[in-house]
Amino acid sequence: MWSSDEGGSMLIEILVVLLLISVLAAVILPSGLAFYRRAAVEYEAMRLIGELRRMQAVSRTTARPLGPMRGGERAPALYVHTDGYEIRRPVKGRVRVYHALPLVRMRREGHTDRPAAFDWNGGIAWDKSSNMTIRVYAEGHEAEGLRVVIDGAARIRLQRGRP
């Protein structure tokens, strides 16, 4: 059996251990969240670049007009939403929706809602004098975000820092 002194010292030891754990958690948790934010934003930006390059390659083979009977284009188009994006393929009406990791947001910069699309030669399918920029950032930390830029020559690149 324990004496009352042993029980009291054991309680103090448990409280000291809990205090140490809470202090370590208070120090480690914010840096762990910052690491997650940076890694998640980087992952989503690189995934978006991969999707855009895949769309560009597909457009080179499928974006030719269907002819006078059916009209229209067959190239896929990427629409950006705050929590991810969707890729629409007009031929069979397929839509693939992708949701970003938790806390990661995406936003088109500019005032137009046109989708990202490429023509049959892999070039951009909109006004070639302007860039399309998609901002990928962690919720509440927009200044630390990355930009995916498609320029007038249809080059897709990642831009870090401020423009």
N, C-alpha and C. Protein backbone atom coordinates (compact mmCIF):
# COMPACT_ATOMS: atom_id res chain seq x y z
N MET A 1 0.83 -1.19 0.00
CA MET A 1 0.00 0.00 0.00
C MET A 1 0.87 1.25 0.00
N TRP A 2 0.31 2.30 -0.52
CA TRP A 2 1.03 3.57 -0.56
C TRP A 2 0.70 4.41 0.64
N SER A 3 1.69 5.16 1.02
CA SER A 3 1.42 6.12 2.09
C SER A 3 0.91 7.41 1.47
N SER A 4 0.41 8.29 2.26
CA SER A 4 -0.14 9.54 1.73
C SER A 4 0.94 10.42 1.11
N ASP A 5 2.19 10.31 1.59
CA ASP A 5 3.29 11.08 1.00
C ASP A 5 3.61 10.60 -0.40
N GLU A 6 3.62 9.28 -0.61
CA GLU A 6 3.90 8.74 -1.95
C GLU A 6 2.81 9.12 -2.94
N GLY A 7 1.56 9.09 -2.52
CA GLY A 7 0.45 9.47 -3.40
C GLY A 7 0.53 10.93 -3.79
N GLY A 8 0.90 11.81 -2.87
CA GLY A 8 1.03 13.24 -3.16
C GLY A 8 2.19 13.52 -4.09
N SER A 9 3.32 12.83 -3.90
CA SER A 9 4.46 13.08 -4.79
C SER A 9 4.20 12.51 -6.18
N MET A 10 3.47 11.42 -6.26
CA MET A 10 3.13 10.86 -7.58
C MET A 10 2.21 11.83 -8.33
N LEU A 11 1.28 12.45 -7.64
CA LEU A 11 0.39 13.43 -8.27
C LEU A 11 1.19 14.63 -8.78
N ILE A 12 2.15 15.08 -8.01
CA ILE A 12 2.99 16.20 -8.44
C ILE A 12 3.82 15.81 -9.67
N GLU A 13 4.37 14.60 -9.66
CA GLU A 13 5.15 14.13 -10.83
C GLU A 13 4.28 14.06 -12.08
N ILE A 14 3.07 13.58 -11.95
CA ILE A 14 2.15 13.52 -13.10
C ILE A 14 1.83 14.92 -13.60
N LEU A 15 1.60 15.86 -12.68
CA LEU A 15 1.32 17.24 -13.08
C LEU A 15 2.52 17.88 -13.78
N VAL A 16 3.73 17.59 -13.32
CA VAL A 16 4.93 18.13 -13.96
C VAL A 16 5.08 17.55 -15.36
N VAL A 17 4.82 16.26 -15.53
CA VAL A 17 4.90 15.64 -16.86
C VAL A 17 3.85 16.25 -17.80
N LEU A 18 2.64 16.44 -17.31
CA LEU A 18 1.60 17.07 -18.13
C LEU A 18 1.96 18.50 -18.50
N LEU A 19 2.57 19.23 -17.58
CA LEU A 19 3.02 20.58 -17.87
C LEU A 19 4.09 20.59 -18.96
N LEU A 20 5.05 19.68 -18.86
CA LEU A 20 6.10 19.58 -19.90
C LEU A 20 5.50 19.23 -21.26
N ILE A 21 4.56 18.31 -21.29
CA ILE A 21 3.92 17.93 -22.55
C ILE A 21 3.17 19.11 -23.14
N SER A 22 2.46 19.86 -22.31
CA SER A 22 1.70 21.01 -22.84
C SER A 22 2.63 22.11 -23.35
N VAL A 23 3.77 22.34 -22.67
CA VAL A 23 4.72 23.34 -23.14
C VAL A 23 5.33 22.91 -24.47
N LEU A 24 5.71 21.65 -24.58
CA LEU A 24 6.26 21.14 -25.85
C LEU A 24 5.23 21.23 -26.98
N ALA A 25 3.98 20.91 -26.68
CA ALA A 25 2.93 20.99 -27.70
C ALA A 25 2.71 22.43 -28.14
N ALA A 26 2.77 23.37 -27.19
CA ALA A 26 2.59 24.78 -27.52
C ALA A 26 3.72 25.30 -28.41
N VAL A 27 4.91 24.72 -28.28
CA VAL A 27 6.04 25.15 -29.11
C VAL A 27 6.03 24.44 -30.47
N ILE A 28 5.73 23.15 -30.47
CA ILE A 28 5.82 22.33 -31.68
C ILE A 28 4.62 22.50 -32.60
N LEU A 29 3.43 22.64 -32.06
CA LEU A 29 2.22 22.69 -32.88
C LEU A 29 2.21 23.83 -33.90
N PRO A 30 2.52 25.08 -33.54
CA PRO A 30 2.53 26.15 -34.55
C PRO A 30 3.55 25.90 -35.67
N SER A 31 4.73 25.41 -35.34
CA SER A 31 5.71 25.15 -36.40
C SER A 31 5.27 23.97 -37.26
N GLY A 32 4.60 23.00 -36.66
CA GLY A 32 4.07 21.88 -37.45
C GLY A 32 2.99 22.33 -38.41
N LEU A 33 2.11 23.22 -37.95
CA LEU A 33 1.06 23.75 -38.83
C LEU A 33 1.66 24.59 -39.96
N ALA A 34 2.69 25.37 -39.65
CA ALA A 34 3.35 26.17 -40.68
C ALA A 34 3.99 25.26 -41.73
N PHE A 35 4.60 24.18 -41.28
CA PHE A 35 5.19 23.20 -42.21
C PHE A 35 4.11 22.59 -43.09
N TYR A 36 2.97 22.20 -42.49
CA TYR A 36 1.87 21.63 -43.26
C TYR A 36 1.37 22.63 -44.30
N ARG A 37 1.19 23.90 -43.90
CA ARG A 37 0.70 24.91 -44.84
C ARG A 37 1.61 25.03 -46.05
N ARG A 38 2.92 25.16 -45.80
CA ARG A 38 3.87 25.30 -46.92
C ARG A 38 3.87 24.05 -47.81
N ALA A 39 3.90 22.87 -47.20
CA ALA A 39 3.95 21.63 -47.96
C ALA A 39 2.66 21.40 -48.75
N ALA A 40 1.51 21.68 -48.14
CA ALA A 40 0.24 21.48 -48.82
C ALA A 40 0.07 22.43 -50.00
N VAL A 41 0.46 23.69 -49.83
CA VAL A 41 0.36 24.67 -50.91
C VAL A 41 1.29 24.27 -52.06
N GLU A 42 2.51 23.87 -51.73
CA GLU A 42 3.46 23.44 -52.75
C GLU A 42 2.93 22.22 -53.52
N TYR A 43 2.39 21.25 -52.79
CA TYR A 43 1.84 20.04 -53.41
C TYR A 43 0.70 20.39 -54.37
N GLU A 44 -0.24 21.22 -53.90
CA GLU A 44 -1.39 21.56 -54.74
C GLU A 44 -0.98 22.37 -55.96
N ALA A 45 -0.02 23.27 -55.82
CA ALA A 45 0.45 24.05 -56.96
C ALA A 45 1.12 23.14 -58.00
N MET A 46 1.95 22.22 -57.53
CA MET A 46 2.62 21.30 -58.46
C MET A 46 1.61 20.36 -59.12
N ARG A 47 0.60 19.93 -58.38
CA ARG A 47 -0.44 19.08 -58.95
C ARG A 47 -1.22 19.84 -60.03
N LEU A 48 -1.51 21.10 -59.76
CA LEU A 48 -2.22 21.93 -60.74
C LEU A 48 -1.38 22.10 -62.00
N ILE A 49 -0.09 22.34 -61.85
CA ILE A 49 0.80 22.46 -63.01
C ILE A 49 0.79 21.16 -63.82
N GLY A 50 0.84 20.04 -63.12
CA GLY A 50 0.78 18.74 -63.81
C GLY A 50 -0.51 18.56 -64.59
N GLU A 51 -1.63 18.94 -64.00
CA GLU A 51 -2.93 18.85 -64.69
C GLU A 51 -2.95 19.74 -65.92
N LEU A 52 -2.44 20.96 -65.79
CA LEU A 52 -2.43 21.89 -66.92
C LEU A 52 -1.54 21.36 -68.06
N ARG A 53 -0.39 20.82 -67.71
CA ARG A 53 0.50 20.27 -68.75
C ARG A 53 -0.11 19.05 -69.41
N ARG A 54 -0.82 18.23 -68.64
CA ARG A 54 -1.51 17.07 -69.22
C ARG A 54 -2.61 17.54 -70.17
N MET A 55 -3.36 18.58 -69.75
CA MET A 55 -4.41 19.13 -70.62
C MET A 55 -3.81 19.68 -71.90
N GLN A 56 -2.67 20.34 -71.79
CA GLN A 56 -2.00 20.90 -72.96
C GLN A 56 -1.60 19.79 -73.93
N ALA A 57 -1.08 18.69 -73.41
CA ALA A 57 -0.69 17.57 -74.26
C ALA A 57 -1.91 16.92 -74.90
N VAL A 58 -2.99 16.76 -74.15
CA VAL A 58 -4.22 16.18 -74.70
C VAL A 58 -4.79 17.09 -75.78
N SER A 59 -4.74 18.39 -75.56
CA SER A 59 -5.28 19.34 -76.52
C SER A 59 -4.56 19.27 -77.87
N ARG A 60 -3.29 18.95 -77.83
CA ARG A 60 -2.55 18.85 -79.10
C ARG A 60 -3.09 17.74 -79.98
N THR A 61 -3.71 16.74 -79.39
CA THR A 61 -4.23 15.64 -80.20
C THR A 61 -5.73 15.67 -80.37
N THR A 62 -6.46 16.36 -79.49
CA THR A 62 -7.92 16.28 -79.56
C THR A 62 -8.64 17.60 -79.78
N ALA A 63 -7.94 18.71 -79.82
CA ALA A 63 -8.62 20.01 -79.84
C ALA A 63 -9.01 20.48 -81.23
N ARG A 64 -8.76 19.71 -82.24
CA ARG A 64 -9.15 20.13 -83.58
C ARG A 64 -10.67 20.19 -83.69
N PRO A 65 -11.19 21.10 -84.49
CA PRO A 65 -12.64 21.19 -84.65
C PRO A 65 -13.22 19.87 -85.15
N LEU A 66 -14.44 19.60 -84.73
CA LEU A 66 -15.10 18.34 -85.10
C LEU A 66 -15.66 18.37 -86.52
N GLY A 67 -15.66 19.51 -87.13
CA GLY A 67 -16.18 19.60 -88.50
C GLY A 67 -17.47 20.39 -88.53
N PRO A 68 -17.95 20.66 -89.74
CA PRO A 68 -19.13 21.52 -89.86
C PRO A 68 -20.40 20.88 -89.33
N MET A 69 -20.46 19.56 -89.31
CA MET A 69 -21.68 18.90 -88.86
C MET A 69 -21.87 19.02 -87.35
N ARG A 70 -20.80 18.87 -86.61
CA ARG A 70 -20.94 18.84 -85.15
C ARG A 70 -20.47 20.12 -84.49
N GLY A 71 -19.52 20.83 -85.08
CA GLY A 71 -19.05 22.11 -84.55
C GLY A 71 -18.42 21.98 -83.17
N GLY A 72 -17.76 23.02 -82.75
CA GLY A 72 -17.19 23.05 -81.41
C GLY A 72 -15.80 22.46 -81.32
N GLU A 73 -15.27 22.50 -80.17
CA GLU A 73 -13.93 21.99 -79.90
C GLU A 73 -14.03 20.80 -78.95
N ARG A 74 -12.97 20.01 -78.94
CA ARG A 74 -12.93 18.84 -78.06
C ARG A 74 -11.91 18.98 -76.95
N ALA A 75 -11.29 20.12 -76.81
CA ALA A 75 -10.23 20.30 -75.81
C ALA A 75 -10.82 20.36 -74.40
N PRO A 76 -10.11 19.79 -73.43
CA PRO A 76 -10.57 19.92 -72.04
C PRO A 76 -10.37 21.34 -71.53
N ALA A 77 -11.16 21.72 -70.56
CA ALA A 77 -11.07 23.06 -69.95
C ALA A 77 -11.04 22.91 -68.44
N LEU A 78 -10.23 23.72 -67.77
CA LEU A 78 -10.08 23.67 -66.31
C LEU A 78 -10.73 24.90 -65.69
N TYR A 79 -11.69 24.69 -64.81
CA TYR A 79 -12.38 25.75 -64.10
C TYR A 79 -11.91 25.75 -62.65
N VAL A 80 -11.47 26.90 -62.15
CA VAL A 80 -10.93 27.01 -60.79
C VAL A 80 -12.04 27.41 -59.83
N HIS A 81 -12.08 26.71 -58.69
CA HIS A 81 -12.99 27.04 -57.59
C HIS A 81 -12.15 27.28 -56.34
N THR A 82 -12.74 27.83 -55.30
CA THR A 82 -11.96 28.12 -54.10
C THR A 82 -11.40 26.87 -53.45
N ASP A 83 -12.12 25.78 -53.48
CA ASP A 83 -11.65 24.58 -52.80
C ASP A 83 -11.05 23.55 -53.75
N GLY A 84 -10.78 23.92 -54.99
CA GLY A 84 -10.19 22.99 -55.96
C GLY A 84 -10.47 23.43 -57.38
N TYR A 85 -10.67 22.45 -58.25
CA TYR A 85 -10.95 22.76 -59.65
C TYR A 85 -11.69 21.61 -60.28
N GLU A 86 -12.22 21.86 -61.47
CA GLU A 86 -12.87 20.79 -62.24
C GLU A 86 -12.37 20.86 -63.67
N ILE A 87 -12.26 19.70 -64.27
CA ILE A 87 -11.84 19.59 -65.66
C ILE A 87 -13.02 19.05 -66.44
N ARG A 88 -13.44 19.83 -67.42
CA ARG A 88 -14.58 19.42 -68.27
C ARG A 88 -14.06 19.00 -69.63
N ARG A 89 -14.51 17.85 -70.06
CA ARG A 89 -14.19 17.35 -71.40
C ARG A 89 -15.49 17.37 -72.20
N PRO A 90 -15.59 18.25 -73.18
CA PRO A 90 -16.85 18.46 -73.86
C PRO A 90 -17.33 17.30 -74.74
N VAL A 91 -16.47 16.42 -75.19
CA VAL A 91 -16.89 15.38 -76.13
C VAL A 91 -17.96 14.49 -75.52
N LYS A 92 -17.70 13.91 -74.38
CA LYS A 92 -18.67 13.02 -73.76
C LYS A 92 -19.30 13.65 -72.52
N GLY A 93 -19.06 14.91 -72.31
CA GLY A 93 -19.64 15.61 -71.18
C GLY A 93 -19.06 15.18 -69.84
N ARG A 94 -17.85 14.67 -69.83
CA ARG A 94 -17.22 14.23 -68.58
C ARG A 94 -16.75 15.43 -67.78
N VAL A 95 -16.95 15.34 -66.49
CA VAL A 95 -16.46 16.36 -65.57
C VAL A 95 -15.73 15.64 -64.44
N ARG A 96 -14.49 16.06 -64.20
CA ARG A 96 -13.72 15.48 -63.10
C ARG A 96 -13.47 16.61 -62.11
N VAL A 97 -13.94 16.42 -60.87
CA VAL A 97 -13.81 17.44 -59.84
C VAL A 97 -12.68 17.02 -58.89
N TYR A 98 -11.81 17.96 -58.58
CA TYR A 98 -10.72 17.71 -57.64
C TYR A 98 -10.84 18.69 -56.48
N HIS A 99 -10.82 18.16 -55.26
CA HIS A 99 -10.86 18.99 -54.05
C HIS A 99 -9.46 19.06 -53.45
N ALA A 100 -9.01 20.25 -53.15
CA ALA A 100 -7.67 20.45 -52.60
C ALA A 100 -7.60 19.95 -51.16
N LEU A 101 -6.38 19.84 -50.65
CA LEU A 101 -6.16 19.43 -49.27
C LEU A 101 -6.81 20.42 -48.30
N PRO A 102 -7.08 20.00 -47.06
CA PRO A 102 -7.69 20.93 -46.10
C PRO A 102 -6.83 22.18 -45.91
N LEU A 103 -7.48 23.30 -45.77
CA LEU A 103 -6.91 24.64 -45.57
C LEU A 103 -6.32 25.25 -46.84
N VAL A 104 -6.23 24.52 -47.95
CA VAL A 104 -5.67 25.07 -49.19
C VAL A 104 -6.80 25.62 -50.04
N ARG A 105 -6.58 26.82 -50.56
CA ARG A 105 -7.56 27.50 -51.40
C ARG A 105 -6.93 27.90 -52.72
N MET A 106 -7.77 28.08 -53.74
CA MET A 106 -7.31 28.51 -55.07
C MET A 106 -8.18 29.66 -55.52
N ARG A 107 -7.56 30.56 -56.28
CA ARG A 107 -8.31 31.72 -56.77
C ARG A 107 -7.69 32.19 -58.08
N ARG A 108 -8.53 32.43 -59.06
CA ARG A 108 -8.08 33.04 -60.31
C ARG A 108 -7.85 34.51 -60.07
N GLU A 109 -6.71 35.02 -60.49
CA GLU A 109 -6.47 36.46 -60.38
C GLU A 109 -6.94 37.11 -61.67
N GLY A 110 -7.56 38.23 -61.55
CA GLY A 110 -8.15 38.91 -62.70
C GLY A 110 -9.66 38.93 -62.56
N HIS A 111 -10.32 39.51 -63.52
CA HIS A 111 -11.76 39.72 -63.42
C HIS A 111 -12.57 38.82 -64.34
N THR A 112 -11.96 37.85 -64.94
CA THR A 112 -12.68 37.01 -65.89
C THR A 112 -12.82 35.60 -65.33
N ASP A 113 -13.87 34.94 -65.74
CA ASP A 113 -14.10 33.56 -65.29
C ASP A 113 -13.81 32.55 -66.39
N ARG A 114 -13.03 32.95 -67.38
CA ARG A 114 -12.74 32.02 -68.47
C ARG A 114 -11.93 30.83 -67.94
N PRO A 115 -12.15 29.68 -68.52
CA PRO A 115 -11.38 28.50 -68.05
C PRO A 115 -9.99 28.48 -68.65
N ALA A 116 -9.13 27.68 -68.06
CA ALA A 116 -7.82 27.43 -68.65
C ALA A 116 -8.03 26.37 -69.73
N ALA A 117 -7.66 26.70 -70.97
CA ALA A 117 -7.83 25.77 -72.09
C ALA A 117 -6.73 26.04 -73.11
N PHE A 118 -6.45 25.01 -73.90
CA PHE A 118 -5.39 25.10 -74.89
C PHE A 118 -5.95 24.74 -76.26
N ASP A 119 -5.35 25.31 -77.31
CA ASP A 119 -5.82 25.02 -78.66
C ASP A 119 -5.12 23.77 -79.21
N TRP A 120 -5.38 23.47 -80.46
CA TRP A 120 -4.87 22.23 -81.07
C TRP A 120 -3.35 22.21 -81.19
N ASN A 121 -2.70 23.38 -81.08
CA ASN A 121 -1.25 23.45 -81.19
C ASN A 121 -0.58 23.54 -79.82
N GLY A 122 -1.36 23.40 -78.75
CA GLY A 122 -0.81 23.50 -77.40
C GLY A 122 -0.71 24.92 -76.89
N GLY A 123 -1.13 25.90 -77.71
CA GLY A 123 -1.11 27.30 -77.28
C GLY A 123 -2.34 27.61 -76.45
N ILE A 124 -2.37 28.78 -75.87
CA ILE A 124 -3.53 29.15 -75.05
C ILE A 124 -4.72 29.45 -75.95
N ALA A 125 -5.90 29.18 -75.44
CA ALA A 125 -7.11 29.32 -76.24
C ALA A 125 -7.85 30.62 -75.93
N TRP A 126 -7.15 31.63 -75.45
CA TRP A 126 -7.76 32.93 -75.20
C TRP A 126 -6.81 34.01 -75.70
N ASP A 127 -7.05 35.24 -75.35
CA ASP A 127 -6.24 36.37 -75.78
C ASP A 127 -4.77 36.14 -75.46
N LYS A 128 -3.94 36.04 -76.48
CA LYS A 128 -2.54 35.67 -76.30
C LYS A 128 -1.70 36.80 -75.72
N SER A 129 -2.28 37.97 -75.53
CA SER A 129 -1.51 39.08 -74.98
C SER A 129 -1.59 39.14 -73.45
N SER A 130 -2.39 38.27 -72.85
CA SER A 130 -2.54 38.33 -71.39
C SER A 130 -2.16 36.99 -70.75
N ASN A 131 -1.76 37.06 -69.50
CA ASN A 131 -1.43 35.87 -68.73
C ASN A 131 -2.65 35.42 -67.93
N MET A 132 -2.65 34.15 -67.58
CA MET A 132 -3.64 33.64 -66.65
C MET A 132 -2.87 33.25 -65.39
N THR A 133 -3.33 33.72 -64.25
CA THR A 133 -2.66 33.43 -62.99
C THR A 133 -3.66 32.80 -62.04
N ILE A 134 -3.26 31.68 -61.45
CA ILE A 134 -4.07 30.99 -60.45
C ILE A 134 -3.28 31.01 -59.14
N ARG A 135 -3.88 31.59 -58.13
CA ARG A 135 -3.23 31.72 -56.82
C ARG A 135 -3.57 30.50 -55.98
N VAL A 136 -2.56 29.85 -55.40
CA VAL A 136 -2.74 28.71 -54.50
C VAL A 136 -2.18 29.14 -53.15
N TYR A 137 -3.01 29.09 -52.11
CA TYR A 137 -2.59 29.61 -50.81
C TYR A 137 -3.28 28.85 -49.67
N ALA A 138 -2.75 28.99 -48.47
CA ALA A 138 -3.37 28.42 -47.28
C ALA A 138 -4.36 29.43 -46.73
N GLU A 139 -5.48 28.93 -46.27
CA GLU A 139 -6.52 29.81 -45.74
C GLU A 139 -5.97 30.66 -44.60
N GLY A 140 -6.14 31.97 -44.72
CA GLY A 140 -5.64 32.89 -43.71
C GLY A 140 -4.19 33.30 -43.91
N HIS A 141 -3.52 32.75 -44.90
CA HIS A 141 -2.11 33.06 -45.16
C HIS A 141 -1.88 33.30 -46.65
N GLU A 142 -2.70 34.15 -47.22
CA GLU A 142 -2.65 34.37 -48.66
C GLU A 142 -1.33 34.96 -49.13
N ALA A 143 -0.68 35.76 -48.30
CA ALA A 143 0.58 36.39 -48.70
C ALA A 143 1.69 35.37 -48.93
N GLU A 144 1.58 34.20 -48.29
CA GLU A 144 2.60 33.16 -48.43
C GLU A 144 2.32 32.22 -49.60
N GLY A 145 1.29 32.49 -50.37
CA GLY A 145 0.86 31.58 -51.43
C GLY A 145 1.79 31.55 -52.63
N LEU A 146 1.49 30.64 -53.54
CA LEU A 146 2.22 30.49 -54.79
C LEU A 146 1.30 30.84 -55.95
N ARG A 147 1.88 31.17 -57.08
CA ARG A 147 1.10 31.47 -58.28
C ARG A 147 1.47 30.50 -59.39
N VAL A 148 0.47 29.97 -60.04
CA VAL A 148 0.67 29.18 -61.25
C VAL A 148 0.32 30.11 -62.41
N VAL A 149 1.29 30.36 -63.27
CA VAL A 149 1.13 31.35 -64.34
C VAL A 149 1.19 30.64 -65.69
N ILE A 150 0.22 30.95 -66.55
CA ILE A 150 0.24 30.51 -67.94
C ILE A 150 0.39 31.79 -68.76
N ASP A 151 1.53 31.95 -69.43
CA ASP A 151 1.76 33.20 -70.16
C ASP A 151 1.24 33.10 -71.59
N GLY A 152 1.39 34.18 -72.34
CA GLY A 152 0.88 34.26 -73.70
C GLY A 152 1.46 33.25 -74.65
N ALA A 153 2.64 32.70 -74.35
CA ALA A 153 3.27 31.68 -75.18
C ALA A 153 2.92 30.27 -74.69
N ALA A 154 1.96 30.16 -73.78
CA ALA A 154 1.48 28.89 -73.23
C ALA A 154 2.51 28.17 -72.38
N ARG A 155 3.45 28.92 -71.82
CA ARG A 155 4.39 28.33 -70.86
C ARG A 155 3.73 28.34 -69.49
N ILE A 156 3.84 27.20 -68.81
CA ILE A 156 3.23 27.05 -67.49
C ILE A 156 4.36 27.04 -66.47
N ARG A 157 4.27 27.93 -65.49
CA ARG A 157 5.37 28.01 -64.52
C ARG A 157 4.82 28.32 -63.13
N LEU A 158 5.66 28.05 -62.13
CA LEU A 158 5.34 28.34 -60.74
C LEU A 158 6.07 29.62 -60.36
N GLN A 159 5.34 30.54 -59.75
CA GLN A 159 5.94 31.81 -59.34
C GLN A 159 5.82 31.92 -57.82
N ARG A 160 6.97 32.13 -57.18
CA ARG A 160 7.00 32.28 -55.72
C ARG A 160 7.12 33.75 -55.35
N GLY A 161 6.74 34.08 -54.13
CA GLY A 161 6.90 35.45 -53.65
C GLY A 161 5.91 36.42 -54.27
N ARG A 162 6.20 37.66 -54.10
CA ARG A 162 5.31 38.71 -54.61
C ARG A 162 5.57 38.95 -56.09
N PRO A 163 4.53 39.33 -56.84
CA PRO A 163 4.72 39.56 -58.29
C PRO A 163 5.57 40.77 -58.58
